[in-house]
Amino acid sequence: MISQTAEYALRAAVFLAEHPQTAFPIPRIALATQVPPQYLAKVMQDLARQLVVTSTRGAKGGYALARPANEVTLYEIVQAVDPIMRIMRCPLGLAAHSAQLCTLHARIDGACAAFEATCRQTTLGELLDQAALSPAAGGRPWPLR
């Protein structure tokens, strides 16, 4: 449903949300989230461009969330790196489907719409609250090293 890039962005954002007001360099985020550092650098640049995270240069620099976790939605994160695609017209360009999508593409778009709505309604703060209540993986969405 989501690309690997979006998955990596979400992992990094959750990690940063777990450590508010702390800036982390790429190697530390990469180690904690199990994301290749070079790939993560591009992802973090995209998140910074969209003001999801802040970037600080220097020896004590790194990346941090730009706002509190309860103000950052999953939608913002995903849209920053790999926007959710919706089906607005027939992918095959069929004239018979110009007024409305065929059953197949309407169903697929419905799934995309539901995913988009969930992302718009879910904040990083909610994920952290739910993870804290979960005994799995020590409360984290994935095991941190």
C-alpha atoms as a PDB file:
ATOM      1  CA  MET A   1       0.000   0.000   0.000  1.00  0.00           C
ATOM      2  CA  ILE A   2       2.880   2.383   0.684  1.00  0.00           C
ATOM      3  CA  SER A   3       6.280   2.636  -0.885  1.00  0.00           C
ATOM      4  CA  GLN A   4       9.499   1.730   0.850  1.00  0.00           C
ATOM      5  CA  THR A   5      10.360   5.436   0.885  1.00  0.00           C
ATOM      6  CA  ALA A   6       7.159   6.247   2.783  1.00  0.00           C
ATOM      7  CA  GLU A   7       7.840   3.363   5.184  1.00  0.00           C
ATOM      8  CA  TYR A   8      11.323   4.719   5.884  1.00  0.00           C
ATOM      9  CA  ALA A   9       9.978   8.237   6.412  1.00  0.00           C
ATOM     10  CA  LEU A  10       7.391   6.944   8.884  1.00  0.00           C
ATOM     11  CA  ARG A  11      10.005   4.950  10.805  1.00  0.00           C
ATOM     12  CA  ALA A  12      12.276   7.988  11.064  1.00  0.00           C
ATOM     13  CA  ALA A  13       9.411  10.249  12.147  1.00  0.00           C
ATOM     14  CA  VAL A  14       8.312   7.802  14.858  1.00  0.00           C
ATOM     15  CA  PHE A  15      11.883   7.583  16.132  1.00  0.00           C
ATOM     16  CA  LEU A  16      12.148  11.373  16.297  1.00  0.00           C
ATOM     17  CA  ALA A  17       8.742  11.571  17.988  1.00  0.00           C
ATOM     18  CA  GLU A  18      10.035   9.215  20.687  1.00  0.00           C
ATOM     19  CA  HIS A  19      12.812  11.722  21.399  1.00  0.00           C
ATOM     20  CA  PRO A  20      11.228  15.175  21.292  1.00  0.00           C
ATOM     21  CA  GLN A  21      13.471  18.224  21.217  1.00  0.00           C
ATOM     22  CA  THR A  22      16.538  16.132  20.446  1.00  0.00           C
ATOM     23  CA  ALA A  23      18.367  16.341  17.130  1.00  0.00           C
ATOM     24  CA  PHE A  24      19.886  13.144  15.769  1.00  0.00           C
ATOM     25  CA  PRO A  25      22.394  12.694  12.943  1.00  0.00           C
ATOM     26  CA  ILE A  26      21.536  10.437  10.016  1.00  0.00           C
ATOM     27  CA  PRO A  27      23.743   7.515  11.192  1.00  0.00           C
ATOM     28  CA  ARG A  28      21.943   7.351  14.558  1.00  0.00           C
ATOM     29  CA  ILE A  29      18.460   7.503  12.997  1.00  0.00           C
ATOM     30  CA  ALA A  30      19.486   4.923  10.394  1.00  0.00           C
ATOM     31  CA  LEU A  31      20.767   2.518  13.035  1.00  0.00           C
ATOM     32  CA  ALA A  32      17.659   2.873  15.182  1.00  0.00           C
ATOM     33  CA  THR A  33      15.204   2.488  12.307  1.00  0.00           C
ATOM     34  CA  GLN A  34      17.122  -0.071  10.234  1.00  0.00           C
ATOM     35  CA  VAL A  35      17.122   2.201   7.175  1.00  0.00           C
ATOM     36  CA  PRO A  36      20.161   2.515   4.873  1.00  0.00           C
ATOM     37  CA  PRO A  37      21.890   5.816   5.794  1.00  0.00           C
ATOM     38  CA  GLN A  38      22.286   7.123   2.232  1.00  0.00           C
ATOM     39  CA  TYR A  39      18.633   6.478   1.446  1.00  0.00           C
ATOM     40  CA  LEU A  40      17.592   7.995   4.762  1.00  0.00           C
ATOM     41  CA  ALA A  41      19.525  11.184   3.997  1.00  0.00           C
ATOM     42  CA  LYS A  42      17.340  11.795   0.935  1.00  0.00           C
ATOM     43  CA  VAL A  43      14.171  10.983   2.864  1.00  0.00           C
ATOM     44  CA  MET A  44      15.116  13.395   5.648  1.00  0.00           C
ATOM     45  CA  GLN A  45      15.847  16.158   3.134  1.00  0.00           C
ATOM     46  CA  ASP A  46      12.350  15.690   1.688  1.00  0.00           C
ATOM     47  CA  LEU A  47      10.816  15.821   5.169  1.00  0.00           C
ATOM     48  CA  ALA A  48      12.782  18.970   5.966  1.00  0.00           C
ATOM     49  CA  ARG A  49      11.688  20.603   2.700  1.00  0.00           C
ATOM     50  CA  GLN A  50       8.067  20.029   3.697  1.00  0.00           C
ATOM     51  CA  LEU A  51       8.686  21.338   7.238  1.00  0.00           C
ATOM     52  CA  VAL A  52       7.959  18.028   8.938  1.00  0.00           C
ATOM     53  CA  VAL A  53      11.435  17.974  10.489  1.00  0.00           C
ATOM     54  CA  THR A  54      14.079  20.577  11.164  1.00  0.00           C
ATOM     55  CA  SER A  55      17.706  20.248  10.223  1.00  0.00           C
ATOM     56  CA  THR A  56      20.594  21.686  12.212  1.00  0.00           C
ATOM     57  CA  ARG A  57      24.166  21.728  10.914  1.00  0.00           C
ATOM     58  CA  GLY A  58      27.268  21.221  12.972  1.00  0.00           C
ATOM     59  CA  ALA A  59      28.789  18.768  15.414  1.00  0.00           C
ATOM     60  CA  LYS A  60      25.664  18.712  17.582  1.00  0.00           C
ATOM     61  CA  GLY A  61      23.324  18.996  14.638  1.00  0.00           C
ATOM     62  CA  GLY A  62      20.920  16.589  13.102  1.00  0.00           C
ATOM     63  CA  TYR A  63      17.203  16.178  12.525  1.00  0.00           C
ATOM     64  CA  ALA A  64      14.298  16.685  14.910  1.00  0.00           C
ATOM     65  CA  LEU A  65      10.542  16.946  14.502  1.00  0.00           C
ATOM     66  CA  ALA A  66       9.476  20.451  13.564  1.00  0.00           C
ATOM     67  CA  ARG A  67       6.353  20.299  15.752  1.00  0.00           C
ATOM     68  CA  PRO A  68       5.052  18.222  18.658  1.00  0.00           C
ATOM     69  CA  ALA A  69       4.178  14.633  17.715  1.00  0.00           C
ATOM     70  CA  ASN A  70       0.468  15.204  18.287  1.00  0.00           C
ATOM     71  CA  GLU A  71       0.517  17.878  15.564  1.00  0.00           C
ATOM     72  CA  VAL A  72       2.212  15.803  12.852  1.00  0.00           C
ATOM     73  CA  THR A  73      -0.026  13.518  10.805  1.00  0.00           C
ATOM     74  CA  LEU A  74       0.998  10.416   8.934  1.00  0.00           C
ATOM     75  CA  TYR A  75      -0.486  12.083   5.854  1.00  0.00           C
ATOM     76  CA  GLU A  76       2.059  14.926   6.024  1.00  0.00           C
ATOM     77  CA  ILE A  77       4.908  12.451   6.276  1.00  0.00           C
ATOM     78  CA  VAL A  78       3.778  10.242   3.412  1.00  0.00           C
ATOM     79  CA  GLN A  79       2.902  13.206   1.177  1.00  0.00           C
ATOM     80  CA  ALA A  80       6.354  14.708   1.754  1.00  0.00           C
ATOM     81  CA  VAL A  81       8.168  11.716   0.290  1.00  0.00           C
ATOM     82  CA  ASP A  82       5.768   9.778  -1.947  1.00  0.00           C
ATOM     83  CA  PRO A  83       2.288  11.291  -2.323  1.00  0.00           C
ATOM     84  CA  ILE A  84      -0.752   9.028  -2.109  1.00  0.00           C
ATOM     85  CA  MET A  85      -2.085   8.545  -5.613  1.00  0.00           C
ATOM     86  CA  ARG A  86      -5.816   8.592  -6.270  1.00  0.00           C
ATOM     87  CA  ILE A  87      -7.517   7.359  -9.439  1.00  0.00           C
ATOM     88  CA  MET A  88      -9.434  10.258 -10.969  1.00  0.00           C
ATOM     89  CA  ARG A  89     -10.015   8.860 -14.457  1.00  0.00           C
ATOM     90  CA  CYS A  90      -9.768   5.562 -16.269  1.00  0.00           C
ATOM     91  CA  PRO A  91      -6.125   4.480 -16.369  1.00  0.00           C
ATOM     92  CA  LEU A  92      -6.857   2.846 -19.727  1.00  0.00           C
ATOM     93  CA  GLY A  93      -8.341   6.014 -21.209  1.00  0.00           C
ATOM     94  CA  LEU A  94     -11.553   4.239 -22.186  1.00  0.00           C
ATOM     95  CA  ALA A  95     -14.309   6.591 -23.358  1.00  0.00           C
ATOM     96  CA  ALA A  96     -16.935   4.374 -21.711  1.00  0.00           C
ATOM     97  CA  HIS A  97     -15.329   5.128 -18.332  1.00  0.00           C
ATOM     98  CA  SER A  98     -15.060   8.882 -18.783  1.00  0.00           C
ATOM     99  CA  ALA A  99     -18.123   9.667 -16.641  1.00  0.00           C
ATOM    100  CA  GLN A 100     -17.192   7.343 -13.788  1.00  0.00           C
ATOM    101  CA  LEU A 101     -14.585   4.776 -12.890  1.00  0.00           C
ATOM    102  CA  CYS A 102     -15.176   1.117 -13.689  1.00  0.00           C
ATOM    103  CA  THR A 103     -15.889  -1.189 -10.765  1.00  0.00           C
ATOM    104  CA  LEU A 104     -12.269  -2.330 -10.474  1.00  0.00           C
ATOM    105  CA  HIS A 105     -10.735   1.143 -10.413  1.00  0.00           C
ATOM    106  CA  ALA A 106     -13.506   2.507  -8.179  1.00  0.00           C
ATOM    107  CA  ARG A 107     -12.674  -0.201  -5.623  1.00  0.00           C
ATOM    108  CA  ILE A 108      -8.968   0.496  -5.817  1.00  0.00           C
ATOM    109  CA  ASP A 109      -9.573   4.232  -5.434  1.00  0.00           C
ATOM    110  CA  GLY A 110     -11.862   3.510  -2.485  1.00  0.00           C
ATOM    111  CA  ALA A 111      -9.024   1.673  -0.763  1.00  0.00           C
ATOM    112  CA  CYS A 112      -6.696   4.591  -1.507  1.00  0.00           C
ATOM    113  CA  ALA A 113      -9.294   7.006  -0.093  1.00  0.00           C
ATOM    114  CA  ALA A 114      -9.625   4.965   3.104  1.00  0.00           C
ATOM    115  CA  PHE A 115      -5.844   4.840   3.529  1.00  0.00           C
ATOM    116  CA  GLU A 116      -5.603   8.588   2.921  1.00  0.00           C
ATOM    117  CA  ALA A 117      -8.343   9.284   5.487  1.00  0.00           C
ATOM    118  CA  THR A 118      -6.592   7.126   8.078  1.00  0.00           C
ATOM    119  CA  CYS A 119      -3.301   8.943   7.458  1.00  0.00           C
ATOM    120  CA  ARG A 120      -4.999  12.343   7.733  1.00  0.00           C
ATOM    121  CA  GLN A 121      -6.623  11.379  11.038  1.00  0.00           C
ATOM    122  CA  THR A 122      -3.609   9.732  12.687  1.00  0.00           C
ATOM    123  CA  THR A 123      -0.845  11.667  14.393  1.00  0.00           C
ATOM    124  CA  LEU A 124       2.563  10.499  15.536  1.00  0.00           C
ATOM    125  CA  GLY A 125       1.428  11.228  19.068  1.00  0.00           C
ATOM    126  CA  GLU A 126      -1.423   8.741  18.725  1.00  0.00           C
ATOM    127  CA  LEU A 127       0.995   6.084  17.486  1.00  0.00           C
ATOM    128  CA  LEU A 128       3.254   6.651  20.481  1.00  0.00           C
ATOM    129  CA  ASP A 129       0.295   6.522  22.877  1.00  0.00           C
ATOM    130  CA  GLN A 130      -0.912   3.233  21.391  1.00  0.00           C
ATOM    131  CA  ALA A 131       2.605   1.767  21.306  1.00  0.00           C
ATOM    132  CA  ALA A 132       3.083   2.584  24.983  1.00  0.00           C
ATOM    133  CA  LEU A 133       0.044   0.427  25.765  1.00  0.00           C
ATOM    134  CA  SER A 134       1.215  -2.481  23.608  1.00  0.00           C
ATOM    135  CA  PRO A 135       3.422  -5.165  25.136  1.00  0.00           C
ATOM    136  CA  ALA A 136       4.748  -6.163  21.682  1.00  0.00           C
ATOM    137  CA  ALA A 137       8.277  -5.037  20.755  1.00  0.00           C
ATOM    138  CA  GLY A 138       8.638  -3.169  24.029  1.00  0.00           C
ATOM    139  CA  GLY A 139       5.875  -0.794  22.953  1.00  0.00           C
ATOM    140  CA  ARG A 140       7.672   0.234  19.745  1.00  0.00           C
ATOM    141  CA  PRO A 141       6.405  -0.281  16.213  1.00  0.00           C
ATOM    142  CA  TRP A 142       9.650  -2.133  15.412  1.00  0.00           C
ATOM    143  CA  PRO A 143      12.547  -3.301  17.573  1.00  0.00           C
ATOM    144  CA  LEU A 144      15.169  -0.628  18.130  1.00  0.00           C
ATOM    145  CA  ARG A 145      18.799  -1.620  18.522  1.00  0.00           C
END
